[in-house]
Amino acid sequence: MATDIVKNNKKKGNKILKIFLVVGLLLVGIIGYGVYWAFFDMNRLPTGEYITEETSPNGTYTLTAYVSSPSLSADAVRGELIFNERNGKTKNIYWNYRESTAKIEWIDDDTVVINGHKLNVPKEKFDFRNQ
């Protein structure tokens, strides 16, 4: 009888431990995503002022560059890739700090160089915060 009580207490303890573990992992995941969303998500970058744009050789993409001039820090350049064949869907692929101009050069239909940073579009992106 005493062994049954000990076994029941162990089972309850294991269930409680599993619940705390699952809840803890869930909280860590939510907090981790919140930090990413608040500080590293390229979709939350400031719009900025238009600088220039260049279209890929085959016309599939257009890369538009904007400069963001926040009041308390240096300028930053944002590059937005426009999918011309997908009704103008856009994706931020370039974000670099302490720049105010953008030199865009298409190497081929899927390779672009922005201020010396070579990117294979649409898969790659450059974000100075991840360097």
C-alpha atoms as a PDB file:
ATOM      1  CA  MET A   1       0.000   0.000   0.000  1.00  0.00           C
ATOM      2  CA  ALA A   2       2.797   2.432   0.831  1.00  0.00           C
ATOM      3  CA  THR A   3       4.486   1.583  -2.469  1.00  0.00           C
ATOM      4  CA  ASP A   4       1.268   2.428  -4.348  1.00  0.00           C
ATOM      5  CA  ILE A   5       1.207   5.864  -2.719  1.00  0.00           C
ATOM      6  CA  VAL A   6       4.863   6.459  -3.634  1.00  0.00           C
ATOM      7  CA  LYS A   7       4.222   5.368  -7.256  1.00  0.00           C
ATOM      8  CA  ASN A   8       1.191   7.686  -7.510  1.00  0.00           C
ATOM      9  CA  ASN A   9       3.194  10.600  -6.108  1.00  0.00           C
ATOM     10  CA  LYS A  10       5.984   9.932  -8.630  1.00  0.00           C
ATOM     11  CA  LYS A  11       3.494   9.875 -11.508  1.00  0.00           C
ATOM     12  CA  LYS A  12       1.975  13.177 -10.352  1.00  0.00           C
ATOM     13  CA  GLY A  13       5.438  14.680  -9.962  1.00  0.00           C
ATOM     14  CA  ASN A  14       6.428  13.572 -13.480  1.00  0.00           C
ATOM     15  CA  LYS A  15       3.226  15.065 -14.939  1.00  0.00           C
ATOM     16  CA  ILE A  16       3.830  18.370 -13.172  1.00  0.00           C
ATOM     17  CA  LEU A  17       7.457  18.416 -14.346  1.00  0.00           C
ATOM     18  CA  LYS A  18       6.375  17.772 -17.957  1.00  0.00           C
ATOM     19  CA  ILE A  19       3.783  20.565 -17.765  1.00  0.00           C
ATOM     20  CA  PHE A  20       6.362  23.036 -16.423  1.00  0.00           C
ATOM     21  CA  LEU A  21       8.822  21.976 -19.134  1.00  0.00           C
ATOM     22  CA  VAL A  22       6.285  22.457 -21.943  1.00  0.00           C
ATOM     23  CA  VAL A  23       5.110  25.816 -20.567  1.00  0.00           C
ATOM     24  CA  GLY A  24       8.724  26.952 -20.106  1.00  0.00           C
ATOM     25  CA  LEU A  25       9.690  26.006 -23.671  1.00  0.00           C
ATOM     26  CA  LEU A  26       6.583  27.752 -24.992  1.00  0.00           C
ATOM     27  CA  LEU A  27       7.460  30.952 -23.105  1.00  0.00           C
ATOM     28  CA  VAL A  28      11.071  30.865 -24.336  1.00  0.00           C
ATOM     29  CA  GLY A  29       9.808  30.428 -27.909  1.00  0.00           C
ATOM     30  CA  ILE A  30       7.370  33.337 -27.620  1.00  0.00           C
ATOM     31  CA  ILE A  31       9.973  35.630 -26.075  1.00  0.00           C
ATOM     32  CA  GLY A  32      12.563  34.611 -28.700  1.00  0.00           C
ATOM     33  CA  TYR A  33      10.168  35.350 -31.551  1.00  0.00           C
ATOM     34  CA  GLY A  34       9.233  38.672 -29.934  1.00  0.00           C
ATOM     35  CA  VAL A  35      12.888  39.743 -29.810  1.00  0.00           C
ATOM     36  CA  TYR A  36      13.369  38.715 -33.462  1.00  0.00           C
ATOM     37  CA  TRP A  37      10.202  40.552 -34.527  1.00  0.00           C
ATOM     38  CA  ALA A  38      11.088  43.727 -32.617  1.00  0.00           C
ATOM     39  CA  PHE A  39      14.774  43.994 -33.556  1.00  0.00           C
ATOM     40  CA  PHE A  40      15.653  41.854 -36.609  1.00  0.00           C
ATOM     41  CA  ASP A  41      12.596  41.423 -38.854  1.00  0.00           C
ATOM     42  CA  MET A  42      13.410  43.093 -42.206  1.00  0.00           C
ATOM     43  CA  ASN A  43       9.706  43.665 -42.863  1.00  0.00           C
ATOM     44  CA  ARG A  44       9.629  46.244 -40.074  1.00  0.00           C
ATOM     45  CA  LEU A  45      12.328  48.525 -41.527  1.00  0.00           C
ATOM     46  CA  PRO A  46      11.534  52.216 -41.981  1.00  0.00           C
ATOM     47  CA  THR A  47      10.308  53.173 -45.451  1.00  0.00           C
ATOM     48  CA  GLY A  48      12.787  55.976 -46.151  1.00  0.00           C
ATOM     49  CA  GLU A  49      13.116  58.299 -49.121  1.00  0.00           C
ATOM     50  CA  TYR A  50      13.463  57.012 -52.687  1.00  0.00           C
ATOM     51  CA  ILE A  51      17.031  57.089 -54.102  1.00  0.00           C
ATOM     52  CA  THR A  52      17.129  54.974 -57.265  1.00  0.00           C
ATOM     53  CA  GLU A  53      16.007  51.755 -58.914  1.00  0.00           C
ATOM     54  CA  GLU A  54      17.327  49.285 -61.471  1.00  0.00           C
ATOM     55  CA  THR A  55      15.508  46.502 -63.315  1.00  0.00           C
ATOM     56  CA  SER A  56      17.088  43.078 -63.898  1.00  0.00           C
ATOM     57  CA  PRO A  57      18.211  42.300 -67.476  1.00  0.00           C
ATOM     58  CA  ASN A  58      15.210  40.055 -68.195  1.00  0.00           C
ATOM     59  CA  GLY A  59      12.729  42.327 -66.378  1.00  0.00           C
ATOM     60  CA  THR A  60      11.791  39.781 -63.700  1.00  0.00           C
ATOM     61  CA  TYR A  61      12.873  41.980 -60.776  1.00  0.00           C
ATOM     62  CA  THR A  62      13.236  45.654 -59.975  1.00  0.00           C
ATOM     63  CA  LEU A  63      15.444  46.706 -57.070  1.00  0.00           C
ATOM     64  CA  THR A  64      14.448  49.997 -55.485  1.00  0.00           C
ATOM     65  CA  ALA A  65      16.719  51.732 -52.960  1.00  0.00           C
ATOM     66  CA  TYR A  66      15.619  54.050 -50.161  1.00  0.00           C
ATOM     67  CA  VAL A  67      17.611  56.023 -47.599  1.00  0.00           C
ATOM     68  CA  SER A  68      16.373  56.251 -44.039  1.00  0.00           C
ATOM     69  CA  SER A  69      17.583  59.262 -42.057  1.00  0.00           C
ATOM     70  CA  PRO A  70      16.661  58.776 -38.406  1.00  0.00           C
ATOM     71  CA  SER A  71      17.134  61.862 -36.254  1.00  0.00           C
ATOM     72  CA  LEU A  72      19.554  60.361 -33.721  1.00  0.00           C
ATOM     73  CA  SER A  73      21.713  58.008 -35.789  1.00  0.00           C
ATOM     74  CA  ALA A  74      23.423  57.685 -39.166  1.00  0.00           C
ATOM     75  CA  ASP A  75      21.699  57.105 -42.493  1.00  0.00           C
ATOM     76  CA  ALA A  76      20.874  53.592 -43.680  1.00  0.00           C
ATOM     77  CA  VAL A  77      20.010  52.217 -47.114  1.00  0.00           C
ATOM     78  CA  ARG A  78      17.160  49.761 -47.647  1.00  0.00           C
ATOM     79  CA  GLY A  79      16.870  47.722 -50.845  1.00  0.00           C
ATOM     80  CA  GLU A  80      13.447  46.447 -51.815  1.00  0.00           C
ATOM     81  CA  LEU A  81      13.130  43.713 -54.430  1.00  0.00           C
ATOM     82  CA  ILE A  82       9.975  43.959 -56.531  1.00  0.00           C
ATOM     83  CA  PHE A  83       8.722  40.803 -58.252  1.00  0.00           C
ATOM     84  CA  ASN A  84       7.461  42.258 -61.548  1.00  0.00           C
ATOM     85  CA  GLU A  85       5.804  38.998 -62.636  1.00  0.00           C
ATOM     86  CA  ARG A  86       3.962  38.513 -59.325  1.00  0.00           C
ATOM     87  CA  ASN A  87       1.810  41.640 -59.369  1.00  0.00           C
ATOM     88  CA  GLY A  88       4.464  43.781 -57.702  1.00  0.00           C
ATOM     89  CA  LYS A  89       5.034  41.653 -54.593  1.00  0.00           C
ATOM     90  CA  THR A  90       7.974  43.094 -52.612  1.00  0.00           C
ATOM     91  CA  LYS A  91      10.691  41.800 -50.301  1.00  0.00           C
ATOM     92  CA  ASN A  92      13.384  43.694 -48.382  1.00  0.00           C
ATOM     93  CA  ILE A  93      16.751  42.195 -49.329  1.00  0.00           C
ATOM     94  CA  TYR A  94      19.243  44.893 -48.325  1.00  0.00           C
ATOM     95  CA  TRP A  95      19.749  46.939 -45.150  1.00  0.00           C
ATOM     96  CA  ASN A  96      23.054  48.640 -44.423  1.00  0.00           C
ATOM     97  CA  TYR A  97      23.978  51.270 -41.869  1.00  0.00           C
ATOM     98  CA  ARG A  98      26.067  54.423 -42.453  1.00  0.00           C
ATOM     99  CA  GLU A  99      25.181  54.686 -46.140  1.00  0.00           C
ATOM    100  CA  SER A 100      23.240  57.389 -47.933  1.00  0.00           C
ATOM    101  CA  THR A 101      23.649  56.343 -51.577  1.00  0.00           C
ATOM    102  CA  ALA A 102      23.010  53.130 -53.468  1.00  0.00           C
ATOM    103  CA  LYS A 103      24.951  51.798 -56.429  1.00  0.00           C
ATOM    104  CA  ILE A 104      22.935  48.952 -57.965  1.00  0.00           C
ATOM    105  CA  GLU A 105      24.439  46.756 -60.663  1.00  0.00           C
ATOM    106  CA  TRP A 106      22.795  43.638 -62.105  1.00  0.00           C
ATOM    107  CA  ILE A 107      25.377  40.976 -63.008  1.00  0.00           C
ATOM    108  CA  ASP A 108      22.807  38.624 -64.555  1.00  0.00           C
ATOM    109  CA  ASP A 109      19.096  37.881 -64.210  1.00  0.00           C
ATOM    110  CA  ASP A 110      19.418  36.619 -60.620  1.00  0.00           C
ATOM    111  CA  THR A 111      22.563  38.334 -59.283  1.00  0.00           C
ATOM    112  CA  VAL A 112      22.739  41.924 -58.119  1.00  0.00           C
ATOM    113  CA  VAL A 113      25.503  43.948 -56.465  1.00  0.00           C
ATOM    114  CA  ILE A 114      24.368  46.685 -54.085  1.00  0.00           C
ATOM    115  CA  ASN A 115      27.152  48.929 -52.772  1.00  0.00           C
ATOM    116  CA  GLY A 116      29.645  46.077 -53.152  1.00  0.00           C
ATOM    117  CA  HIS A 117      27.432  43.362 -51.598  1.00  0.00           C
ATOM    118  CA  LYS A 118      26.695  40.566 -54.089  1.00  0.00           C
ATOM    119  CA  LEU A 119      23.302  38.873 -53.659  1.00  0.00           C
ATOM    120  CA  ASN A 120      21.623  35.980 -55.435  1.00  0.00           C
ATOM    121  CA  VAL A 121      17.990  37.063 -55.634  1.00  0.00           C
ATOM    122  CA  PRO A 122      15.438  36.279 -54.374  1.00  0.00           C
ATOM    123  CA  LYS A 123      17.060  33.822 -51.931  1.00  0.00           C
ATOM    124  CA  GLU A 124      19.821  35.926 -50.357  1.00  0.00           C
ATOM    125  CA  LYS A 125      19.648  39.142 -48.400  1.00  0.00           C
ATOM    126  CA  PHE A 126      22.120  41.420 -46.652  1.00  0.00           C
ATOM    127  CA  ASP A 127      21.399  42.862 -43.209  1.00  0.00           C
ATOM    128  CA  PHE A 128      24.275  44.573 -41.363  1.00  0.00           C
ATOM    129  CA  ARG A 129      22.736  43.534 -38.036  1.00  0.00           C
ATOM    130  CA  ASN A 130      23.481  39.868 -38.823  1.00  0.00           C
ATOM    131  CA  GLN A 131      27.135  40.354 -39.797  1.00  0.00           C
END
